[in-house]
């Protein structure tokens, strides 16, 4: 099965948007990682760090699960970065 990976662009910085939303919601990264693992998404601290710092492309499954955990719409991650 192919995994769709999503990458940031010059206008939309997914890693920045993910980090900002998580901070605004006040959710600990360790809680997000743990919930993702419980829901069957293989996530480590190292992988999450790379996603947050734009060092790796996020998969559609990972992005959807983060949106579910932080209780936001997946489209919130695609707002243009100022």
N, C-alpha and C. Protein backbone atom coordinates (compact mmCIF):
# COMPACT_ATOMS: atom_id res chain seq x y z
N UNK A 1 0.84 -1.18 0.00
CA UNK A 1 0.00 0.00 0.00
C UNK A 1 0.89 1.24 0.00
N UNK A 2 0.57 2.19 -0.85
CA UNK A 2 1.32 3.44 -0.90
C UNK A 2 0.87 4.37 0.21
N UNK A 3 1.83 5.07 0.78
CA UNK A 3 1.54 6.05 1.82
C UNK A 3 1.69 7.43 1.23
N UNK A 4 0.65 8.24 1.34
CA UNK A 4 0.73 9.60 0.82
C UNK A 4 1.44 10.49 1.82
N UNK A 5 2.48 11.16 1.35
CA UNK A 5 3.21 12.10 2.20
C UNK A 5 2.90 13.52 1.75
N UNK A 6 2.80 14.39 2.73
CA UNK A 6 2.44 15.78 2.47
C UNK A 6 3.61 16.63 2.93
N UNK A 7 4.02 17.58 2.08
CA UNK A 7 5.14 18.43 2.48
C UNK A 7 4.74 19.90 2.47
N UNK A 8 5.46 20.66 3.25
CA UNK A 8 5.23 22.09 3.33
C UNK A 8 5.60 22.77 2.02
N UNK A 9 5.03 23.96 1.82
CA UNK A 9 5.38 24.78 0.68
C UNK A 9 5.89 26.12 1.19
N UNK A 10 6.23 27.00 0.28
CA UNK A 10 6.70 28.32 0.71
C UNK A 10 5.58 29.13 1.36
N UNK A 11 4.32 28.82 1.05
CA UNK A 11 3.19 29.55 1.64
C UNK A 11 2.58 28.84 2.84
N UNK A 12 2.63 27.52 2.83
CA UNK A 12 2.01 26.75 3.90
C UNK A 12 3.08 25.90 4.58
N UNK A 13 3.39 26.27 5.82
CA UNK A 13 4.41 25.56 6.60
C UNK A 13 3.68 24.64 7.58
N UNK A 14 3.49 23.39 7.17
CA UNK A 14 2.75 22.45 8.00
C UNK A 14 3.37 22.29 9.38
N UNK A 15 4.69 22.17 9.44
CA UNK A 15 5.34 21.96 10.73
C UNK A 15 5.07 23.13 11.67
N UNK A 16 5.14 24.34 11.17
CA UNK A 16 4.86 25.52 11.99
C UNK A 16 3.40 25.52 12.45
N UNK A 17 2.49 25.19 11.54
CA UNK A 17 1.07 25.18 11.89
C UNK A 17 0.76 24.10 12.91
N UNK A 18 1.36 22.94 12.77
CA UNK A 18 1.15 21.86 13.75
C UNK A 18 1.64 22.31 15.12
N UNK A 19 2.85 22.83 15.16
CA UNK A 19 3.45 23.27 16.42
C UNK A 19 2.60 24.36 17.08
N UNK A 20 2.14 25.33 16.29
CA UNK A 20 1.33 26.43 16.81
C UNK A 20 0.01 25.94 17.39
N UNK A 21 -0.67 25.07 16.66
CA UNK A 21 -1.97 24.56 17.13
C UNK A 21 -1.80 23.75 18.41
N UNK A 22 -0.77 22.92 18.47
CA UNK A 22 -0.53 22.12 19.67
C UNK A 22 -0.26 23.02 20.87
N UNK A 23 0.54 24.06 20.66
CA UNK A 23 0.83 25.00 21.75
C UNK A 23 -0.42 25.73 22.22
N UNK A 24 -1.25 26.18 21.27
CA UNK A 24 -2.48 26.88 21.63
C UNK A 24 -3.44 25.99 22.41
N UNK A 25 -3.47 24.71 22.05
CA UNK A 25 -4.37 23.77 22.72
C UNK A 25 -3.82 23.33 24.07
N UNK A 26 -2.53 23.55 24.30
CA UNK A 26 -1.91 23.19 25.57
C UNK A 26 -1.77 21.69 25.78
N UNK A 27 -1.60 20.96 24.69
CA UNK A 27 -1.47 19.50 24.77
C UNK A 27 0.00 19.13 24.73
N UNK A 28 0.39 18.23 25.61
CA UNK A 28 1.78 17.79 25.65
C UNK A 28 2.09 16.88 24.47
N UNK A 29 3.27 17.05 23.92
CA UNK A 29 3.68 16.23 22.77
C UNK A 29 3.73 14.76 23.14
N UNK A 30 4.16 14.45 24.35
CA UNK A 30 4.22 13.05 24.77
C UNK A 30 2.83 12.42 24.78
N UNK A 31 1.81 13.21 25.12
CA UNK A 31 0.44 12.69 25.11
C UNK A 31 -0.02 12.42 23.68
N UNK A 32 0.37 13.29 22.76
CA UNK A 32 0.02 13.08 21.35
C UNK A 32 0.71 11.82 20.82
N UNK A 33 1.99 11.69 21.11
CA UNK A 33 2.74 10.53 20.64
C UNK A 33 2.14 9.24 21.20
N UNK A 34 1.84 9.24 22.50
CA UNK A 34 1.26 8.05 23.13
C UNK A 34 -0.07 7.68 22.51
N UNK A 35 -0.95 8.68 22.27
CA UNK A 35 -2.25 8.40 21.68
C UNK A 35 -2.12 7.88 20.25
N UNK A 36 -1.18 8.44 19.50
CA UNK A 36 -0.96 7.96 18.14
C UNK A 36 -0.53 6.49 18.16
N UNK A 37 0.36 6.15 19.07
CA UNK A 37 0.81 4.76 19.18
C UNK A 37 -0.35 3.84 19.56
N UNK A 38 -1.19 4.28 20.50
CA UNK A 38 -2.34 3.48 20.89
C UNK A 38 -3.32 3.29 19.75
N UNK A 39 -3.40 4.27 18.86
CA UNK A 39 -4.31 4.20 17.72
C UNK A 39 -3.67 3.53 16.49
N UNK A 40 -2.47 2.98 16.66
CA UNK A 40 -1.85 2.20 15.59
C UNK A 40 -0.98 2.98 14.63
N UNK A 41 -0.70 4.24 14.93
CA UNK A 41 0.20 5.05 14.09
C UNK A 41 1.59 4.98 14.70
N UNK A 42 2.56 4.39 14.01
CA UNK A 42 3.91 4.28 14.59
C UNK A 42 4.56 5.67 14.71
N UNK A 43 4.71 6.13 15.94
CA UNK A 43 5.27 7.46 16.18
C UNK A 43 6.27 7.37 17.32
N UNK A 44 7.41 8.02 17.13
CA UNK A 44 8.43 8.11 18.17
C UNK A 44 8.68 9.58 18.46
N UNK A 45 9.38 9.85 19.55
CA UNK A 45 9.75 11.23 19.87
C UNK A 45 10.60 11.82 18.75
N UNK A 46 11.50 11.00 18.22
CA UNK A 46 12.39 11.47 17.16
C UNK A 46 11.60 11.82 15.89
N UNK A 47 10.68 10.97 15.52
CA UNK A 47 9.85 11.23 14.33
C UNK A 47 9.02 12.48 14.53
N UNK A 48 8.42 12.63 15.71
CA UNK A 48 7.59 13.80 15.97
C UNK A 48 8.43 15.08 15.92
N UNK A 49 9.65 15.03 16.48
CA UNK A 49 10.56 16.17 16.42
C UNK A 49 10.83 16.55 14.96
N UNK A 50 11.09 15.55 14.13
CA UNK A 50 11.37 15.82 12.71
C UNK A 50 10.16 16.44 12.02
N UNK A 51 8.97 15.98 12.36
CA UNK A 51 7.76 16.55 11.76
C UNK A 51 7.58 18.01 12.17
N UNK A 52 7.80 18.29 13.44
CA UNK A 52 7.63 19.65 13.96
C UNK A 52 8.69 20.63 13.45
N UNK A 53 9.82 20.11 13.05
CA UNK A 53 10.91 20.97 12.61
C UNK A 53 11.17 20.88 11.12
N UNK A 54 10.17 20.41 10.38
CA UNK A 54 10.19 20.37 8.92
C UNK A 54 11.39 19.58 8.39
N UNK A 55 11.75 18.52 9.09
CA UNK A 55 12.85 17.67 8.67
C UNK A 55 12.35 16.37 8.05
N UNK A 56 11.02 16.19 8.04
CA UNK A 56 10.42 15.00 7.43
C UNK A 56 9.04 15.38 6.92
N UNK A 57 8.60 14.70 5.88
CA UNK A 57 7.25 14.92 5.36
C UNK A 57 6.27 14.08 6.17
N UNK A 58 5.15 14.68 6.50
CA UNK A 58 4.13 13.99 7.29
C UNK A 58 3.23 13.17 6.39
N UNK A 59 2.77 12.03 6.88
CA UNK A 59 1.84 11.23 6.10
C UNK A 59 0.41 11.72 6.35
N UNK A 60 -0.46 11.40 5.43
CA UNK A 60 -1.87 11.79 5.58
C UNK A 60 -2.45 11.18 6.84
N UNK A 61 -2.10 9.93 7.14
CA UNK A 61 -2.60 9.27 8.35
C UNK A 61 -2.13 9.98 9.62
N UNK A 62 -0.86 10.37 9.63
CA UNK A 62 -0.31 11.07 10.80
C UNK A 62 -1.01 12.41 11.00
N UNK A 63 -1.20 13.14 9.92
CA UNK A 63 -1.84 14.45 10.01
C UNK A 63 -3.28 14.32 10.47
N UNK A 64 -4.00 13.35 9.94
CA UNK A 64 -5.40 13.13 10.35
C UNK A 64 -5.48 12.75 11.82
N UNK A 65 -4.56 11.93 12.29
CA UNK A 65 -4.58 11.51 13.69
C UNK A 65 -4.23 12.67 14.62
N UNK A 66 -3.27 13.50 14.24
CA UNK A 66 -2.93 14.66 15.07
C UNK A 66 -4.15 15.59 15.16
N UNK A 67 -4.83 15.81 14.04
CA UNK A 67 -6.03 16.65 14.05
C UNK A 67 -7.09 16.08 14.99
N UNK A 68 -7.26 14.78 14.96
CA UNK A 68 -8.24 14.14 15.84
C UNK A 68 -7.85 14.31 17.31
N UNK A 69 -6.58 14.10 17.62
CA UNK A 69 -6.11 14.17 19.01
C UNK A 69 -6.22 15.59 19.56
N UNK A 70 -5.85 16.58 18.76
CA UNK A 70 -5.89 17.97 19.25
C UNK A 70 -7.25 18.62 19.03
N UNK A 71 -8.19 17.85 18.47
CA UNK A 71 -9.57 18.29 18.28
C UNK A 71 -9.65 19.55 17.42
N UNK A 72 -9.09 19.44 16.22
CA UNK A 72 -9.20 20.54 15.26
C UNK A 72 -9.52 19.95 13.89
N UNK A 73 -9.90 20.79 12.99
CA UNK A 73 -10.17 20.36 11.62
C UNK A 73 -8.83 20.23 10.89
N UNK A 74 -8.70 19.21 10.09
CA UNK A 74 -7.44 18.99 9.38
C UNK A 74 -7.07 20.19 8.51
N UNK A 75 -8.06 20.92 8.04
CA UNK A 75 -7.80 22.09 7.20
C UNK A 75 -7.08 23.20 7.97
N UNK A 76 -7.17 23.18 9.31
CA UNK A 76 -6.47 24.19 10.12
C UNK A 76 -4.96 24.13 9.91
N UNK A 77 -4.46 22.96 9.57
CA UNK A 77 -3.02 22.81 9.35
C UNK A 77 -2.56 23.42 8.03
N UNK A 78 -3.50 23.75 7.15
CA UNK A 78 -3.15 24.25 5.84
C UNK A 78 -3.33 25.76 5.68
N UNK A 79 -3.42 26.48 6.78
CA UNK A 79 -3.51 27.95 6.73
C UNK A 79 -2.16 28.50 6.27
N UNK A 80 -2.22 29.56 5.49
CA UNK A 80 -0.97 30.17 5.03
C UNK A 80 -0.21 30.72 6.21
N UNK A 81 1.09 30.50 6.21
CA UNK A 81 1.96 30.96 7.27
C UNK A 81 2.36 32.41 6.98
N UNK A 82 2.30 33.21 7.99
CA UNK A 82 2.63 34.63 7.82
C UNK A 82 4.10 34.86 7.95
